[in-house]
Amino acid sequence: MEGWVNWYKRMAKNHEADWQRIGIADALSLTLSPIEKHENLLRSIGYFWSDTLNYFMFGCGPMTPTLMDIVGTL
């Protein structure tokens, strides 16, 4: 995590205005927030994840979260 924080701070100096313009600045800054690890949730979603296809496979079809999905919820 420390490596990510250092990278983020270094990149933000030059790119934060671009991140704001394209609407991902808030999503990127949220990655700096500490989060709790929920073991049961990770086990549950791992069951539906396809390493080969890089998406979740549910009964209704495939799903993958994108950065735009995250930005849309802010």
N, C-alpha and C. Protein backbone atom coordinates (compact mmCIF):
# COMPACT_ATOMS: atom_id res chain seq x y z
N MET A 1 0.83 -1.20 0.00
CA MET A 1 0.00 0.00 0.00
C MET A 1 0.87 1.26 0.00
N GLU A 2 1.98 1.21 0.72
CA GLU A 2 2.84 2.39 0.79
C GLU A 2 3.36 2.78 -0.59
N GLY A 3 3.68 1.77 -1.41
CA GLY A 3 4.15 2.05 -2.77
C GLY A 3 3.09 2.76 -3.59
N TRP A 4 1.81 2.33 -3.42
CA TRP A 4 0.71 2.96 -4.14
C TRP A 4 0.54 4.41 -3.72
N VAL A 5 0.59 4.65 -2.42
CA VAL A 5 0.41 6.01 -1.90
C VAL A 5 1.51 6.92 -2.46
N ASN A 6 2.73 6.45 -2.44
CA ASN A 6 3.83 7.26 -2.99
C ASN A 6 3.64 7.53 -4.47
N TRP A 7 3.24 6.50 -5.22
CA TRP A 7 2.99 6.68 -6.66
C TRP A 7 1.86 7.68 -6.88
N TYR A 8 0.77 7.52 -6.14
CA TYR A 8 -0.37 8.41 -6.29
C TYR A 8 0.03 9.87 -6.05
N LYS A 9 0.73 10.10 -4.96
CA LYS A 9 1.14 11.47 -4.63
C LYS A 9 2.04 12.05 -5.71
N ARG A 10 2.94 11.23 -6.23
CA ARG A 10 3.86 11.69 -7.28
C ARG A 10 3.10 12.01 -8.57
N MET A 11 2.16 11.15 -8.95
CA MET A 11 1.39 11.35 -10.18
C MET A 11 0.38 12.48 -10.05
N ALA A 12 -0.19 12.63 -8.86
CA ALA A 12 -1.23 13.64 -8.66
C ALA A 12 -0.69 15.05 -8.91
N LYS A 13 0.57 15.26 -8.61
CA LYS A 13 1.16 16.58 -8.84
C LYS A 13 1.00 17.01 -10.30
N ASN A 14 1.16 16.08 -11.22
CA ASN A 14 1.11 16.41 -12.64
C ASN A 14 -0.22 16.08 -13.32
N HIS A 15 -1.00 15.18 -12.74
CA HIS A 15 -2.17 14.68 -13.46
C HIS A 15 -3.52 14.92 -12.79
N GLU A 16 -3.53 15.51 -11.62
CA GLU A 16 -4.80 15.67 -10.90
C GLU A 16 -5.82 16.47 -11.71
N ALA A 17 -5.39 17.49 -12.41
CA ALA A 17 -6.32 18.28 -13.23
C ALA A 17 -6.93 17.41 -14.33
N ASP A 18 -6.12 16.55 -14.94
CA ASP A 18 -6.64 15.63 -15.97
C ASP A 18 -7.62 14.65 -15.35
N TRP A 19 -7.29 14.13 -14.16
CA TRP A 19 -8.18 13.19 -13.47
C TRP A 19 -9.51 13.85 -13.17
N GLN A 20 -9.48 15.13 -12.76
CA GLN A 20 -10.72 15.87 -12.50
C GLN A 20 -11.52 16.02 -13.79
N ARG A 21 -10.84 16.37 -14.85
CA ARG A 21 -11.50 16.62 -16.14
C ARG A 21 -12.22 15.38 -16.65
N ILE A 22 -11.60 14.21 -16.52
CA ILE A 22 -12.24 12.99 -17.04
C ILE A 22 -13.10 12.29 -15.99
N GLY A 23 -13.15 12.84 -14.77
CA GLY A 23 -14.08 12.36 -13.76
C GLY A 23 -13.63 11.17 -12.93
N ILE A 24 -12.31 10.94 -12.82
CA ILE A 24 -11.84 9.80 -12.03
C ILE A 24 -11.07 10.21 -10.78
N ALA A 25 -10.94 11.49 -10.54
CA ALA A 25 -10.14 11.96 -9.41
C ALA A 25 -10.68 11.45 -8.07
N ASP A 26 -12.00 11.51 -7.89
CA ASP A 26 -12.58 11.05 -6.63
C ASP A 26 -12.37 9.56 -6.43
N ALA A 27 -12.55 8.79 -7.49
CA ALA A 27 -12.36 7.33 -7.39
C ALA A 27 -10.92 7.00 -7.05
N LEU A 28 -9.99 7.69 -7.66
CA LEU A 28 -8.58 7.44 -7.37
C LEU A 28 -8.23 7.84 -5.94
N SER A 29 -8.76 8.96 -5.49
CA SER A 29 -8.44 9.39 -4.12
C SER A 29 -9.04 8.43 -3.08
N LEU A 30 -10.15 7.78 -3.41
CA LEU A 30 -10.73 6.80 -2.49
C LEU A 30 -9.81 5.61 -2.26
N THR A 31 -8.92 5.34 -3.19
CA THR A 31 -8.00 4.21 -3.03
C THR A 31 -7.01 4.46 -1.90
N LEU A 32 -6.91 5.68 -1.42
CA LEU A 32 -6.02 6.00 -0.31
C LEU A 32 -6.67 5.76 1.04
N SER A 33 -7.99 5.56 1.05
CA SER A 33 -8.72 5.35 2.30
C SER A 33 -8.47 3.95 2.83
N PRO A 34 -8.28 3.84 4.13
CA PRO A 34 -8.12 2.50 4.70
C PRO A 34 -9.45 1.74 4.62
N ILE A 35 -9.39 0.48 4.29
CA ILE A 35 -10.59 -0.33 4.21
C ILE A 35 -10.40 -1.60 5.04
N GLU A 36 -11.50 -2.08 5.57
CA GLU A 36 -11.47 -3.33 6.31
C GLU A 36 -11.56 -4.49 5.33
N LYS A 37 -10.86 -5.55 5.64
CA LYS A 37 -10.92 -6.74 4.80
C LYS A 37 -11.99 -7.65 5.39
N HIS A 38 -12.99 -7.99 4.59
CA HIS A 38 -14.07 -8.87 5.00
C HIS A 38 -13.83 -10.25 4.37
N GLU A 39 -13.27 -11.14 5.15
CA GLU A 39 -12.89 -12.48 4.66
C GLU A 39 -14.05 -13.22 4.01
N ASN A 40 -15.22 -13.21 4.64
CA ASN A 40 -16.35 -13.94 4.08
C ASN A 40 -16.80 -13.37 2.74
N LEU A 41 -16.79 -12.05 2.62
CA LEU A 41 -17.16 -11.43 1.35
C LEU A 41 -16.15 -11.80 0.26
N LEU A 42 -14.87 -11.76 0.60
CA LEU A 42 -13.85 -12.12 -0.38
C LEU A 42 -13.99 -13.57 -0.83
N ARG A 43 -14.28 -14.45 0.09
CA ARG A 43 -14.50 -15.86 -0.29
C ARG A 43 -15.70 -16.00 -1.20
N SER A 44 -16.76 -15.26 -0.88
CA SER A 44 -17.99 -15.36 -1.66
C SER A 44 -17.81 -14.85 -3.08
N ILE A 45 -17.21 -13.68 -3.22
CA ILE A 45 -17.06 -13.14 -4.58
C ILE A 45 -16.01 -13.92 -5.37
N GLY A 46 -15.06 -14.52 -4.65
CA GLY A 46 -14.05 -15.33 -5.33
C GLY A 46 -14.66 -16.52 -6.04
N TYR A 47 -15.76 -17.02 -5.52
CA TYR A 47 -16.44 -18.16 -6.13
C TYR A 47 -16.93 -17.81 -7.54
N PHE A 48 -17.31 -16.58 -7.77
CA PHE A 48 -17.88 -16.16 -9.05
C PHE A 48 -16.85 -15.57 -10.02
N TRP A 49 -15.62 -15.36 -9.57
CA TRP A 49 -14.59 -14.72 -10.39
C TRP A 49 -13.95 -15.71 -11.36
N SER A 50 -13.76 -15.31 -12.61
CA SER A 50 -13.07 -16.12 -13.61
C SER A 50 -11.69 -15.52 -13.85
N ASP A 51 -10.65 -16.24 -13.45
CA ASP A 51 -9.28 -15.78 -13.71
C ASP A 51 -8.98 -15.75 -15.21
N THR A 52 -9.57 -16.66 -15.93
CA THR A 52 -9.31 -16.74 -17.37
C THR A 52 -9.91 -15.55 -18.11
N LEU A 53 -11.13 -15.18 -17.76
CA LEU A 53 -11.85 -14.14 -18.49
C LEU A 53 -11.82 -12.77 -17.80
N ASN A 54 -11.35 -12.73 -16.55
CA ASN A 54 -11.28 -11.49 -15.78
C ASN A 54 -12.63 -10.80 -15.60
N TYR A 55 -13.63 -11.58 -15.25
CA TYR A 55 -14.91 -11.01 -14.87
C TYR A 55 -15.64 -11.97 -13.94
N PHE A 56 -16.72 -11.46 -13.34
CA PHE A 56 -17.57 -12.28 -12.49
C PHE A 56 -18.59 -12.97 -13.38
N MET A 57 -18.85 -14.24 -13.13
CA MET A 57 -19.85 -14.97 -13.90
C MET A 57 -21.02 -15.31 -12.97
N PHE A 58 -22.15 -14.63 -13.20
CA PHE A 58 -23.35 -14.85 -12.42
C PHE A 58 -24.37 -15.60 -13.28
N GLY A 59 -25.45 -16.02 -12.67
CA GLY A 59 -26.49 -16.75 -13.39
C GLY A 59 -27.08 -15.94 -14.54
N CYS A 60 -27.12 -14.63 -14.39
CA CYS A 60 -27.68 -13.78 -15.43
C CYS A 60 -26.66 -13.42 -16.51
N GLY A 61 -25.40 -13.79 -16.32
CA GLY A 61 -24.36 -13.51 -17.31
C GLY A 61 -23.13 -12.90 -16.67
N PRO A 62 -22.16 -12.53 -17.52
CA PRO A 62 -20.90 -11.98 -17.00
C PRO A 62 -21.05 -10.53 -16.55
N MET A 63 -20.22 -10.14 -15.60
CA MET A 63 -20.21 -8.76 -15.12
C MET A 63 -18.80 -8.40 -14.69
N THR A 64 -18.38 -7.22 -15.05
CA THR A 64 -17.09 -6.72 -14.58
C THR A 64 -17.25 -5.25 -14.21
N PRO A 65 -16.80 -4.86 -13.03
CA PRO A 65 -16.86 -3.44 -12.68
C PRO A 65 -15.78 -2.67 -13.44
N THR A 66 -16.14 -1.51 -13.89
CA THR A 66 -15.18 -0.65 -14.58
C THR A 66 -14.96 0.61 -13.74
N LEU A 67 -13.96 1.36 -14.10
CA LEU A 67 -13.70 2.61 -13.40
C LEU A 67 -14.90 3.55 -13.54
N MET A 68 -15.56 3.53 -14.68
CA MET A 68 -16.74 4.38 -14.87
C MET A 68 -17.89 3.96 -13.96
N ASP A 69 -18.02 2.65 -13.66
CA ASP A 69 -19.02 2.21 -12.70
C ASP A 69 -18.77 2.82 -11.34
N ILE A 70 -17.52 2.85 -10.95
CA ILE A 70 -17.16 3.39 -9.64
C ILE A 70 -17.40 4.89 -9.61
N VAL A 71 -17.00 5.59 -10.65
CA VAL A 71 -17.17 7.04 -10.71
C VAL A 71 -18.65 7.39 -10.69
N GLY A 72 -19.47 6.57 -11.33
CA GLY A 72 -20.90 6.83 -11.38
C GLY A 72 -21.59 6.74 -10.04
N THR A 73 -20.98 6.06 -9.08
CA THR A 73 -21.59 5.92 -7.76
C THR A 73 -21.18 7.01 -6.80
N LEU A 74 -20.26 7.87 -7.19
CA LEU A 74 -19.77 8.91 -6.27
C LEU A 74 -20.71 10.09 -6.24
